Amino acid sequence: MTMLARALAALALSAGLALGTAAPAQAAPPNCDRPAGPAMPSGEVVTRSQIEGAHRELTDYLEKVRAYFACLEQENKNVAAEAQQAVAGYERAKAAYERLIR
């Protein structure tokens, strides 16, 4: 295995995937947009209505952050699978070339 192939294999393994076992790469989910943080009340006096609204905004934001992390994790897996496919393609081409020059 060449140095490049070993480097790509190590990258794929660091993503938690064993060579040859990754599922085919899939398109990234469309919701990988980083959510904006919620606006929180400021000042020394906060009303009940403001704190209840802030709680709702925070809850919604945290759910969006969880979805964002899940999306990034899937994208990481997709890229690792693509890297594995690139390594496999390179190895096939290299083997074919070596057969030709013998």
C-alpha atoms as a PDB file:
ATOM      1  CA  MET A   1       0.000   0.000   0.000  1.00  0.00           C
ATOM      2  CA  THR A   2       1.397   3.382  -0.944  1.00  0.00           C
ATOM      3  CA  MET A   3       2.002   6.219   1.488  1.00  0.00           C
ATOM      4  CA  LEU A   4      -1.025   8.104   0.111  1.00  0.00           C
ATOM      5  CA  ALA A   5      -3.214   5.023   0.394  1.00  0.00           C
ATOM      6  CA  ARG A   6      -2.031   4.446   3.974  1.00  0.00           C
ATOM      7  CA  ALA A   7      -2.738   8.071   4.857  1.00  0.00           C
ATOM      8  CA  LEU A   8      -6.247   7.905   3.404  1.00  0.00           C
ATOM      9  CA  ALA A   9      -6.860   4.559   5.103  1.00  0.00           C
ATOM     10  CA  ALA A  10      -5.747   6.057   8.424  1.00  0.00           C
ATOM     11  CA  LEU A  11      -8.089   8.987   7.860  1.00  0.00           C
ATOM     12  CA  ALA A  12     -10.971   6.639   7.172  1.00  0.00           C
ATOM     13  CA  LEU A  13     -10.140   4.546  10.230  1.00  0.00           C
ATOM     14  CA  SER A  14      -9.935   7.646  12.408  1.00  0.00           C
ATOM     15  CA  ALA A  15     -13.514   8.380  11.366  1.00  0.00           C
ATOM     16  CA  GLY A  16     -14.459   5.026  12.875  1.00  0.00           C
ATOM     17  CA  LEU A  17     -14.757   3.073   9.645  1.00  0.00           C
ATOM     18  CA  ALA A  18     -12.897  -0.114   8.720  1.00  0.00           C
ATOM     19  CA  LEU A  19     -11.648  -0.331   5.150  1.00  0.00           C
ATOM     20  CA  GLY A  20     -13.978  -2.222   2.896  1.00  0.00           C
ATOM     21  CA  THR A  21     -16.950  -2.064   5.244  1.00  0.00           C
ATOM     22  CA  ALA A  22     -18.216   1.441   4.648  1.00  0.00           C
ATOM     23  CA  ALA A  23     -21.559   1.980   3.046  1.00  0.00           C
ATOM     24  CA  PRO A  24     -21.544   3.828  -0.258  1.00  0.00           C
ATOM     25  CA  ALA A  25     -21.252   7.563   0.142  1.00  0.00           C
ATOM     26  CA  GLN A  26     -24.553   9.377   0.327  1.00  0.00           C
ATOM     27  CA  ALA A  27     -25.393  13.008  -0.145  1.00  0.00           C
ATOM     28  CA  ALA A  28     -25.155  15.072   3.014  1.00  0.00           C
ATOM     29  CA  PRO A  29     -28.449  15.855   4.658  1.00  0.00           C
ATOM     30  CA  PRO A  30     -29.580  19.345   3.667  1.00  0.00           C
ATOM     31  CA  ASN A  31     -29.827  20.636   7.252  1.00  0.00           C
ATOM     32  CA  CYS A  32     -26.110  21.010   8.034  1.00  0.00           C
ATOM     33  CA  ASP A  33     -26.506  24.722   8.601  1.00  0.00           C
ATOM     34  CA  ARG A  34     -25.066  25.892  11.889  1.00  0.00           C
ATOM     35  CA  PRO A  35     -27.920  27.252  14.018  1.00  0.00           C
ATOM     36  CA  ALA A  36     -27.727  30.809  15.267  1.00  0.00           C
ATOM     37  CA  GLY A  37     -27.727  31.258  19.012  1.00  0.00           C
ATOM     38  CA  PRO A  38     -30.864  32.598  20.626  1.00  0.00           C
ATOM     39  CA  ALA A  39     -31.185  36.148  21.866  1.00  0.00           C
ATOM     40  CA  MET A  40     -31.385  36.161  25.646  1.00  0.00           C
ATOM     41  CA  PRO A  41     -32.911  38.894  27.793  1.00  0.00           C
ATOM     42  CA  SER A  42     -30.394  41.328  29.160  1.00  0.00           C
ATOM     43  CA  GLY A  43     -30.485  43.830  31.943  1.00  0.00           C
ATOM     44  CA  GLU A  44     -31.214  43.554  35.628  1.00  0.00           C
ATOM     45  CA  VAL A  45     -34.985  43.304  35.289  1.00  0.00           C
ATOM     46  CA  VAL A  46     -36.512  40.385  33.399  1.00  0.00           C
ATOM     47  CA  THR A  47     -40.207  39.696  33.174  1.00  0.00           C
ATOM     48  CA  ARG A  48     -41.825  36.306  33.462  1.00  0.00           C
ATOM     49  CA  SER A  49     -42.889  36.549  29.832  1.00  0.00           C
ATOM     50  CA  GLN A  50     -39.289  37.273  28.757  1.00  0.00           C
ATOM     51  CA  ILE A  51     -37.856  34.339  30.713  1.00  0.00           C
ATOM     52  CA  GLU A  52     -40.518  31.963  29.369  1.00  0.00           C
ATOM     53  CA  GLY A  53     -39.778  33.126  25.823  1.00  0.00           C
ATOM     54  CA  ALA A  54     -36.043  32.741  26.426  1.00  0.00           C
ATOM     55  CA  HIS A  55     -36.632  29.201  27.701  1.00  0.00           C
ATOM     56  CA  ARG A  56     -38.577  28.300  24.547  1.00  0.00           C
ATOM     57  CA  GLU A  57     -35.871  29.829  22.334  1.00  0.00           C
ATOM     58  CA  LEU A  58     -33.126  28.006  24.221  1.00  0.00           C
ATOM     59  CA  THR A  59     -34.964  24.671  23.989  1.00  0.00           C
ATOM     60  CA  ASP A  60     -35.486  25.156  20.257  1.00  0.00           C
ATOM     61  CA  TYR A  61     -31.840  26.163  19.789  1.00  0.00           C
ATOM     62  CA  LEU A  62     -30.526  23.106  21.662  1.00  0.00           C
ATOM     63  CA  GLU A  63     -32.656  20.818  19.487  1.00  0.00           C
ATOM     64  CA  LYS A  64     -31.240  22.485  16.377  1.00  0.00           C
ATOM     65  CA  VAL A  65     -27.701  22.041  17.756  1.00  0.00           C
ATOM     66  CA  ARG A  66     -28.344  18.309  18.274  1.00  0.00           C
ATOM     67  CA  ALA A  67     -29.585  17.992  14.686  1.00  0.00           C
ATOM     68  CA  TYR A  68     -26.566  19.967  13.455  1.00  0.00           C
ATOM     69  CA  PHE A  69     -24.138  17.639  15.256  1.00  0.00           C
ATOM     70  CA  ALA A  70     -25.931  14.580  13.860  1.00  0.00           C
ATOM     71  CA  CYS A  71     -25.687  16.076  10.381  1.00  0.00           C
ATOM     72  CA  LEU A  72     -21.962  16.762  10.799  1.00  0.00           C
ATOM     73  CA  GLU A  73     -21.404  13.220  12.040  1.00  0.00           C
ATOM     74  CA  GLN A  74     -23.160  11.830   8.952  1.00  0.00           C
ATOM     75  CA  GLU A  75     -21.177  14.124   6.686  1.00  0.00           C
ATOM     76  CA  ASN A  76     -17.963  12.923   8.365  1.00  0.00           C
ATOM     77  CA  LYS A  77     -18.975   9.332   7.607  1.00  0.00           C
ATOM     78  CA  ASN A  78     -19.824  10.268   4.008  1.00  0.00           C
ATOM     79  CA  VAL A  79     -16.426  11.872   3.442  1.00  0.00           C
ATOM     80  CA  ALA A  80     -14.613   8.923   5.038  1.00  0.00           C
ATOM     81  CA  ALA A  81     -16.500   6.536   2.738  1.00  0.00           C
ATOM     82  CA  GLU A  82     -15.567   8.681  -0.265  1.00  0.00           C
ATOM     83  CA  ALA A  83     -11.916   8.585   0.841  1.00  0.00           C
ATOM     84  CA  GLN A  84     -12.107   4.793   1.095  1.00  0.00           C
ATOM     85  CA  GLN A  85     -13.555   4.600  -2.403  1.00  0.00           C
ATOM     86  CA  ALA A  86     -10.755   6.840  -3.675  1.00  0.00           C
ATOM     87  CA  VAL A  87      -8.124   4.580  -2.055  1.00  0.00           C
ATOM     88  CA  ALA A  88      -9.744   1.489  -3.551  1.00  0.00           C
ATOM     89  CA  GLY A  89      -9.915   3.110  -6.985  1.00  0.00           C
ATOM     90  CA  TYR A  90      -6.282   4.150  -6.776  1.00  0.00           C
ATOM     91  CA  GLU A  91      -5.214   0.663  -5.716  1.00  0.00           C
ATOM     92  CA  ARG A  92      -7.153  -0.892  -8.626  1.00  0.00           C
ATOM     93  CA  ALA A  93      -5.580   1.535 -11.111  1.00  0.00           C
ATOM     94  CA  LYS A  94      -2.124   0.974  -9.672  1.00  0.00           C
ATOM     95  CA  ALA A  95      -2.527  -2.809  -9.874  1.00  0.00           C
ATOM     96  CA  ALA A  96      -3.666  -2.543 -13.492  1.00  0.00           C
ATOM     97  CA  TYR A  97      -0.704  -0.318 -14.317  1.00  0.00           C
ATOM     98  CA  GLU A  98       1.749  -2.689 -12.647  1.00  0.00           C
ATOM     99  CA  ARG A  99       0.320  -5.599 -14.648  1.00  0.00           C
ATOM    100  CA  LEU A 100       0.879  -3.609 -17.849  1.00  0.00           C
ATOM    101  CA  ILE A 101       4.512  -2.759 -17.146  1.00  0.00           C
ATOM    102  CA  ARG A 102       5.566  -6.301 -16.214  1.00  0.00           C
END
